[in-house]
Protein backbone atom coordinates (compact mmCIF):
# COMPACT_ATOMS: atom_id res chain seq x y z
CA UNK A 1 -24.13 -39.80 53.91
CA UNK A 2 -25.10 -43.15 54.79
CA UNK A 3 -28.00 -43.35 57.30
CA UNK A 4 -26.90 -44.77 61.27
CA UNK A 5 -28.46 -46.05 64.18
CA UNK A 6 -28.73 -44.04 67.14
CA UNK A 7 -30.06 -44.85 70.72
CA UNK A 8 -31.69 -41.94 72.05
CA UNK A 9 -31.62 -41.50 76.03
CA UNK A 10 -33.58 -37.94 76.97
CA UNK A 11 -35.18 -35.99 79.54
CA UNK A 12 -38.19 -33.76 78.03
CA UNK A 13 -39.89 -31.20 80.44
CA UNK A 14 -42.90 -28.85 79.44
CA UNK A 15 -45.64 -26.71 80.62
CA UNK A 16 -48.15 -29.15 78.76
CA UNK A 17 -47.24 -32.83 79.61
CA UNK A 18 -50.37 -34.27 78.36
CA UNK A 19 -50.10 -32.74 74.71
CA UNK A 20 -46.29 -33.53 74.79
CA UNK A 21 -47.28 -37.41 75.78
CA UNK A 22 -49.51 -37.76 72.93
CA UNK A 23 -46.81 -36.32 70.63
CA UNK A 24 -44.23 -38.67 72.07
CA UNK A 25 -46.53 -41.82 71.67
CA UNK A 26 -46.80 -40.73 67.91
CA UNK A 27 -43.21 -39.99 67.40
CA UNK A 28 -41.78 -42.88 69.49
CA UNK A 29 -43.96 -45.51 68.68
CA UNK A 30 -41.69 -48.70 70.19
CA UNK A 31 -39.75 -46.59 72.47
CA UNK A 32 -39.70 -46.52 76.39
CA UNK A 33 -41.58 -43.41 77.74
CA UNK A 34 -41.90 -42.81 81.66
CA UNK A 35 -43.64 -39.70 83.02
CA UNK A 36 -42.28 -38.59 86.61
CA UNK A 37 -43.84 -37.19 89.61
CA UNK A 38 -42.72 -34.08 88.35
CA UNK A 39 -44.28 -34.39 84.73
CA UNK A 40 -40.58 -34.79 83.15
CA UNK A 41 -40.56 -37.43 80.82
CA UNK A 42 -37.45 -40.16 80.54
CA UNK A 43 -37.38 -41.88 76.91
CA UNK A 44 -35.43 -44.36 75.76
CA UNK A 45 -35.59 -45.19 71.96
CA UNK A 46 -33.77 -46.42 68.57
CA UNK A 47 -33.47 -43.75 65.48
CA UNK A 48 -32.28 -44.12 62.09
CA UNK A 49 -30.57 -40.88 60.61
CA UNK A 50 -27.48 -39.32 58.99
CA UNK A 51 -26.40 -37.49 62.33
CA UNK A 52 -27.21 -36.83 65.99
CA UNK A 53 -27.52 -33.10 65.40
CA UNK A 54 -30.00 -33.59 62.78
CA UNK A 55 -32.57 -36.21 64.82
CA UNK A 56 -32.05 -33.88 67.69
CA UNK A 57 -33.20 -30.85 65.53
CA UNK A 58 -36.07 -32.62 63.96
CA UNK A 59 -37.23 -34.28 67.32
CA UNK A 60 -37.16 -31.06 69.41
CA UNK A 61 -38.98 -28.82 66.69
CA UNK A 62 -42.02 -31.38 66.39
CA UNK A 63 -42.06 -31.24 70.27
CA UNK A 64 -42.40 -27.45 69.90
CA UNK A 65 -44.55 -27.35 67.41
CA UNK A 66 -47.10 -28.86 69.66
CA UNK A 67 -46.09 -27.17 73.28
CA UNK A 68 -43.49 -24.33 72.41
CA UNK A 69 -42.37 -24.34 75.89
CA UNK A 70 -40.51 -27.72 75.83
CA UNK A 71 -37.03 -28.57 76.90
CA UNK A 72 -34.95 -31.39 75.78
CA UNK A 73 -31.48 -33.00 76.92
CA UNK A 74 -30.53 -35.89 74.91
CA UNK A 75 -28.12 -38.19 74.45
CA UNK A 76 -27.07 -39.99 71.16
CA UNK A 77 -25.02 -42.74 70.93
CA UNK A 78 -23.95 -44.14 67.73
CA UNK A 79 -20.98 -46.90 67.54
CA UNK A 80 -18.58 -45.77 70.08
CA UNK A 81 -19.62 -41.67 70.06
CA UNK A 82 -22.24 -40.00 72.31
CA UNK A 83 -23.30 -36.64 71.75
CA UNK A 84 -25.26 -34.64 74.20
CA UNK A 85 -27.79 -31.55 73.45
CA UNK A 86 -29.47 -29.15 75.65
CA UNK A 87 -32.34 -28.19 73.40
CA UNK A 88 -30.62 -27.33 69.97
CA UNK A 89 -27.25 -26.80 71.42
CA UNK A 90 -24.27 -29.75 71.66
CA UNK A 91 -22.79 -29.74 74.95
CA UNK A 92 -20.59 -32.40 74.29
CA UNK A 93 -18.96 -35.38 72.44
CA UNK A 94 -17.74 -38.25 73.92
CA UNK A 95 -16.79 -41.85 73.70
CA UNK A 96 -19.63 -44.27 74.71
CA UNK A 97 -19.58 -46.35 77.85
């Protein structure tokens, strides 16, 4: 399967923001990472991979290795399709805006 480019937009919640912030800086060196007042992270970045599901799984698994109680709400857009996930579960697949 060919590699595709995906635009990732996500919200990440955790019980240990300082550790997750460090992990995000390593995983997403050229993306935008903003920490809100409620210790939620808003993230925008580009990834390359075979599928949104695989990229989502890989990102969340990496973050959960660092802090188990991490939650991810993600949108992965490639071409004209946006796929939404809550943690590992796909929620919807729609035409991109």
